[in-house]
């Protein structure tokens, strides 16, 4: 069994998680944007003087802020690690083209295997952190949606009117 090929397949497998997680990040960001637009359309500054409006609105702000923070934390990968790597994009970019080409040609099979295995581990660490953050962001977004619904009910009572929605 070719261990380098096996390690490269594992690296590809781990990297395949990035687009799936990033799609969820995009969906949560869109979800939060819509929630904020709906809240802005339906909540007037005067409404915040009434406890039955500002309490759910405050909960909405806290939960949506926590969700947005989790999303923002994982939009860009953490670039730590990978010093001297011939696989990691950050370490490759730190070299000149010629220096990278020469180092790549000079690397032994064991050196490349170690480098790929290190990249598999680091990517798994990044994927795990992204997944955990997105999972938390979705939970907070769900709480913010419940708080937004409570805010919409409260502002409907306050205004004696149904809520407004973007484009509607």
C-alpha atoms as a PDB file:
ATOM      1  CA  UNK A   1       0.000   0.000   0.000  1.00  0.00           C
ATOM      2  CA  UNK A   2       1.351   3.424  -0.974  1.00  0.00           C
ATOM      3  CA  UNK A   3       1.233   5.401   2.267  1.00  0.00           C
ATOM      4  CA  UNK A   4       1.691   8.748   0.517  1.00  0.00           C
ATOM      5  CA  UNK A   5      -1.290   8.096  -1.770  1.00  0.00           C
ATOM      6  CA  UNK A   6      -3.343   7.006   1.252  1.00  0.00           C
ATOM      7  CA  UNK A   7      -2.382  10.188   3.129  1.00  0.00           C
ATOM      8  CA  UNK A   8      -3.258  12.307   0.079  1.00  0.00           C
ATOM      9  CA  UNK A   9      -6.697  10.637  -0.148  1.00  0.00           C
ATOM     10  CA  UNK A  10      -7.230  11.370   3.530  1.00  0.00           C
ATOM     11  CA  UNK A  11      -6.226  15.007   2.945  1.00  0.00           C
ATOM     12  CA  UNK A  12      -8.748  15.229   0.077  1.00  0.00           C
ATOM     13  CA  UNK A  13     -11.416  13.685   2.298  1.00  0.00           C
ATOM     14  CA  UNK A  14     -10.814  16.196   5.096  1.00  0.00           C
ATOM     15  CA  UNK A  15     -10.723  19.101   2.623  1.00  0.00           C
ATOM     16  CA  UNK A  16     -14.089  18.030   1.203  1.00  0.00           C
ATOM     17  CA  UNK A  17     -15.694  19.154   4.466  1.00  0.00           C
ATOM     18  CA  UNK A  18     -14.712  22.810   3.972  1.00  0.00           C
ATOM     19  CA  UNK A  19     -17.272  23.626   1.231  1.00  0.00           C
ATOM     20  CA  UNK A  20     -20.066  21.923   3.177  1.00  0.00           C
ATOM     21  CA  UNK A  21     -19.319  23.886   6.327  1.00  0.00           C
ATOM     22  CA  UNK A  22     -18.801  27.127   4.411  1.00  0.00           C
ATOM     23  CA  UNK A  23     -22.219  26.668   2.763  1.00  0.00           C
ATOM     24  CA  UNK A  24     -23.748  26.505   6.229  1.00  0.00           C
ATOM     25  CA  UNK A  25     -21.837  29.651   7.230  1.00  0.00           C
ATOM     26  CA  UNK A  26     -23.301  31.453   4.209  1.00  0.00           C
ATOM     27  CA  UNK A  27     -26.805  30.218   5.017  1.00  0.00           C
ATOM     28  CA  UNK A  28     -26.574  31.375   8.647  1.00  0.00           C
ATOM     29  CA  UNK A  29     -25.236  34.774   7.549  1.00  0.00           C
ATOM     30  CA  UNK A  30     -28.173  35.164   5.122  1.00  0.00           C
ATOM     31  CA  UNK A  31     -30.610  34.010   7.807  1.00  0.00           C
ATOM     32  CA  UNK A  32     -29.264  36.603  10.243  1.00  0.00           C
ATOM     33  CA  UNK A  33     -29.376  39.349   7.610  1.00  0.00           C
ATOM     34  CA  UNK A  34     -33.043  38.662   6.950  1.00  0.00           C
ATOM     35  CA  UNK A  35     -33.798  38.620  10.669  1.00  0.00           C
ATOM     36  CA  UNK A  36     -32.070  41.964  11.175  1.00  0.00           C
ATOM     37  CA  UNK A  37     -33.963  43.482   8.229  1.00  0.00           C
ATOM     38  CA  UNK A  38     -37.298  42.253   9.614  1.00  0.00           C
ATOM     39  CA  UNK A  39     -36.445  43.542  13.089  1.00  0.00           C
ATOM     40  CA  UNK A  40     -35.396  46.925  11.692  1.00  0.00           C
ATOM     41  CA  UNK A  41     -38.619  47.244   9.677  1.00  0.00           C
ATOM     42  CA  UNK A  42     -40.827  46.462  12.635  1.00  0.00           C
ATOM     43  CA  UNK A  43     -39.163  47.938  15.703  1.00  0.00           C
ATOM     44  CA  UNK A  44     -39.319  51.671  16.320  1.00  0.00           C
ATOM     45  CA  UNK A  45     -37.173  53.457  18.868  1.00  0.00           C
ATOM     46  CA  UNK A  46     -40.312  54.368  20.862  1.00  0.00           C
ATOM     47  CA  UNK A  47     -41.179  50.644  21.110  1.00  0.00           C
ATOM     48  CA  UNK A  48     -38.095  50.016  23.216  1.00  0.00           C
ATOM     49  CA  UNK A  49     -39.621  51.978  26.080  1.00  0.00           C
ATOM     50  CA  UNK A  50     -42.081  49.141  26.634  1.00  0.00           C
ATOM     51  CA  UNK A  51     -40.747  46.108  28.513  1.00  0.00           C
ATOM     52  CA  UNK A  52     -42.737  43.554  26.542  1.00  0.00           C
ATOM     53  CA  UNK A  53     -40.935  44.807  23.391  1.00  0.00           C
ATOM     54  CA  UNK A  54     -37.413  45.505  24.623  1.00  0.00           C
ATOM     55  CA  UNK A  55     -37.022  42.213  26.502  1.00  0.00           C
ATOM     56  CA  UNK A  56     -37.510  39.965  23.442  1.00  0.00           C
ATOM     57  CA  UNK A  57     -35.735  42.537  21.256  1.00  0.00           C
ATOM     58  CA  UNK A  58     -32.744  42.486  23.627  1.00  0.00           C
ATOM     59  CA  UNK A  59     -32.748  38.684  23.555  1.00  0.00           C
ATOM     60  CA  UNK A  60     -32.861  38.874  19.750  1.00  0.00           C
ATOM     61  CA  UNK A  61     -29.864  41.227  19.674  1.00  0.00           C
ATOM     62  CA  UNK A  62     -27.853  39.056  22.064  1.00  0.00           C
ATOM     63  CA  UNK A  63     -28.604  35.781  20.268  1.00  0.00           C
ATOM     64  CA  UNK A  64     -28.125  37.151  16.758  1.00  0.00           C
ATOM     65  CA  UNK A  65     -24.907  38.870  17.873  1.00  0.00           C
ATOM     66  CA  UNK A  66     -23.604  35.619  19.343  1.00  0.00           C
ATOM     67  CA  UNK A  67     -24.511  33.780  16.148  1.00  0.00           C
ATOM     68  CA  UNK A  68     -22.849  36.396  13.939  1.00  0.00           C
ATOM     69  CA  UNK A  69     -19.724  36.272  16.111  1.00  0.00           C
ATOM     70  CA  UNK A  70     -19.499  32.491  15.694  1.00  0.00           C
ATOM     71  CA  UNK A  71     -19.944  32.829  11.926  1.00  0.00           C
ATOM     72  CA  UNK A  72     -17.316  35.567  11.660  1.00  0.00           C
ATOM     73  CA  UNK A  73     -14.807  33.553  13.697  1.00  0.00           C
ATOM     74  CA  UNK A  74     -14.806  30.818  11.069  1.00  0.00           C
ATOM     75  CA  UNK A  75     -15.141  32.679   7.795  1.00  0.00           C
ATOM     76  CA  UNK A  76     -11.363  32.596   7.321  1.00  0.00           C
ATOM     77  CA  UNK A  77      -9.134  29.674   8.284  1.00  0.00           C
ATOM     78  CA  UNK A  78      -6.567  30.037  11.031  1.00  0.00           C
ATOM     79  CA  UNK A  79      -3.179  30.253   9.316  1.00  0.00           C
ATOM     80  CA  UNK A  80      -1.030  29.071  12.211  1.00  0.00           C
ATOM     81  CA  UNK A  81       1.297  26.140  11.695  1.00  0.00           C
ATOM     82  CA  UNK A  82       2.748  24.625   8.575  1.00  0.00           C
ATOM     83  CA  UNK A  83       6.228  26.113   8.904  1.00  0.00           C
ATOM     84  CA  UNK A  84       8.354  24.907   5.997  1.00  0.00           C
ATOM     85  CA  UNK A  85       5.514  22.807   4.559  1.00  0.00           C
ATOM     86  CA  UNK A  86       5.439  21.952   0.875  1.00  0.00           C
ATOM     87  CA  UNK A  87       1.683  21.301   1.097  1.00  0.00           C
ATOM     88  CA  UNK A  88       0.284  24.172   3.181  1.00  0.00           C
ATOM     89  CA  UNK A  89      -0.629  27.184   1.023  1.00  0.00           C
ATOM     90  CA  UNK A  90       0.610  29.730   3.573  1.00  0.00           C
ATOM     91  CA  UNK A  91       4.064  28.158   3.800  1.00  0.00           C
ATOM     92  CA  UNK A  92       4.240  27.775   0.011  1.00  0.00           C
ATOM     93  CA  UNK A  93       3.377  31.455  -0.485  1.00  0.00           C
ATOM     94  CA  UNK A  94       6.137  32.458   1.960  1.00  0.00           C
ATOM     95  CA  UNK A  95       8.710  31.094  -0.498  1.00  0.00           C
ATOM     96  CA  UNK A  96       9.722  32.311  -3.904  1.00  0.00           C
ATOM     97  CA  UNK A  97       8.556  30.227  -6.839  1.00  0.00           C
ATOM     98  CA  UNK A  98      12.076  28.936  -7.445  1.00  0.00           C
ATOM     99  CA  UNK A  99      12.682  28.075  -3.785  1.00  0.00           C
ATOM    100  CA  UNK A 100       9.402  26.162  -3.639  1.00  0.00           C
ATOM    101  CA  UNK A 101      10.152  24.289  -6.862  1.00  0.00           C
ATOM    102  CA  UNK A 102      13.616  23.300  -5.655  1.00  0.00           C
ATOM    103  CA  UNK A 103      12.411  22.229  -2.190  1.00  0.00           C
ATOM    104  CA  UNK A 104       9.572  20.201  -3.708  1.00  0.00           C
ATOM    105  CA  UNK A 105      11.926  18.396  -6.102  1.00  0.00           C
ATOM    106  CA  UNK A 106      14.425  17.715  -3.311  1.00  0.00           C
ATOM    107  CA  UNK A 107      11.877  16.326  -0.819  1.00  0.00           C
ATOM    108  CA  UNK A 108      12.101  12.618  -0.115  1.00  0.00           C
ATOM    109  CA  UNK A 109       9.075  10.335  -0.051  1.00  0.00           C
ATOM    110  CA  UNK A 110       9.178  10.199   3.752  1.00  0.00           C
ATOM    111  CA  UNK A 111       9.393  14.003   3.996  1.00  0.00           C
ATOM    112  CA  UNK A 112       6.383  14.373   1.713  1.00  0.00           C
ATOM    113  CA  UNK A 113       4.498  11.723   3.689  1.00  0.00           C
ATOM    114  CA  UNK A 114       5.198  13.567   6.941  1.00  0.00           C
ATOM    115  CA  UNK A 115       4.143  16.859   5.349  1.00  0.00           C
ATOM    116  CA  UNK A 116       0.861  15.443   4.015  1.00  0.00           C
ATOM    117  CA  UNK A 117       0.097  13.737   7.323  1.00  0.00           C
ATOM    118  CA  UNK A 118       0.760  17.017   9.151  1.00  0.00           C
ATOM    119  CA  UNK A 119      -1.589  18.818   6.746  1.00  0.00           C
ATOM    120  CA  UNK A 120      -4.277  16.170   7.264  1.00  0.00           C
ATOM    121  CA  UNK A 121      -4.054  16.724  11.023  1.00  0.00           C
ATOM    122  CA  UNK A 122      -4.094  20.533  10.720  1.00  0.00           C
ATOM    123  CA  UNK A 123      -7.023  20.548   8.292  1.00  0.00           C
ATOM    124  CA  UNK A 124      -8.938  18.200  10.578  1.00  0.00           C
ATOM    125  CA  UNK A 125      -8.299  20.612  13.443  1.00  0.00           C
ATOM    126  CA  UNK A 126      -9.592  23.545  11.346  1.00  0.00           C
ATOM    127  CA  UNK A 127     -12.646  21.599  10.118  1.00  0.00           C
ATOM    128  CA  UNK A 128     -13.509  20.629  13.679  1.00  0.00           C
ATOM    129  CA  UNK A 129     -13.269  24.251  14.874  1.00  0.00           C
ATOM    130  CA  UNK A 130     -15.358  25.487  11.925  1.00  0.00           C
ATOM    131  CA  UNK A 131     -17.992  22.797  12.481  1.00  0.00           C
ATOM    132  CA  UNK A 132     -18.244  23.547  16.201  1.00  0.00           C
ATOM    133  CA  UNK A 133     -18.574  27.287  15.537  1.00  0.00           C
ATOM    134  CA  UNK A 134     -21.238  26.778  12.857  1.00  0.00           C
ATOM    135  CA  UNK A 135     -23.170  24.399  15.088  1.00  0.00           C
ATOM    136  CA  UNK A 136     -23.140  27.037  17.821  1.00  0.00           C
ATOM    137  CA  UNK A 137     -24.079  29.770  15.314  1.00  0.00           C
ATOM    138  CA  UNK A 138     -27.106  27.758  14.172  1.00  0.00           C
ATOM    139  CA  UNK A 139     -28.225  27.241  17.768  1.00  0.00           C
ATOM    140  CA  UNK A 140     -27.949  30.973  18.518  1.00  0.00           C
ATOM    141  CA  UNK A 141     -29.686  31.820  15.227  1.00  0.00           C
ATOM    142  CA  UNK A 142     -32.574  29.561  16.237  1.00  0.00           C
ATOM    143  CA  UNK A 143     -32.823  31.346  19.582  1.00  0.00           C
ATOM    144  CA  UNK A 144     -32.676  34.706  17.800  1.00  0.00           C
ATOM    145  CA  UNK A 145     -35.507  33.613  15.508  1.00  0.00           C
ATOM    146  CA  UNK A 146     -37.676  32.744  18.509  1.00  0.00           C
ATOM    147  CA  UNK A 147     -36.821  36.110  20.088  1.00  0.00           C
ATOM    148  CA  UNK A 148     -37.582  37.877  16.796  1.00  0.00           C
ATOM    149  CA  UNK A 149     -40.988  36.210  16.616  1.00  0.00           C
ATOM    150  CA  UNK A 150     -41.703  37.355  20.167  1.00  0.00           C
ATOM    151  CA  UNK A 151     -40.555  40.861  19.209  1.00  0.00           C
ATOM    152  CA  UNK A 152     -42.839  40.859  16.156  1.00  0.00           C
ATOM    153  CA  UNK A 153     -45.798  39.795  18.273  1.00  0.00           C
ATOM    154  CA  UNK A 154     -44.996  42.527  20.789  1.00  0.00           C
ATOM    155  CA  UNK A 155     -44.587  45.240  18.143  1.00  0.00           C
ATOM    156  CA  UNK A 156     -47.801  44.095  16.429  1.00  0.00           C
ATOM    157  CA  UNK A 157     -49.622  44.589  19.710  1.00  0.00           C
ATOM    158  CA  UNK A 158     -47.883  47.925  20.212  1.00  0.00           C
ATOM    159  CA  UNK A 159     -48.707  49.185  16.670  1.00  0.00           C
ATOM    160  CA  UNK A 160     -52.049  47.418  16.262  1.00  0.00           C
ATOM    161  CA  UNK A 161     -50.761  46.167  12.895  1.00  0.00           C
ATOM    162  CA  UNK A 162     -49.272  43.061  11.318  1.00  0.00           C
ATOM    163  CA  UNK A 163     -45.491  42.918  10.895  1.00  0.00           C
ATOM    164  CA  UNK A 164     -43.799  44.140   7.705  1.00  0.00           C
ATOM    165  CA  UNK A 165     -41.331  42.038   5.751  1.00  0.00           C
ATOM    166  CA  UNK A 166     -38.673  43.051   3.217  1.00  0.00           C
ATOM    167  CA  UNK A 167     -40.084  43.117  -0.301  1.00  0.00           C
ATOM    168  CA  UNK A 168     -43.608  42.637   0.951  1.00  0.00           C
END
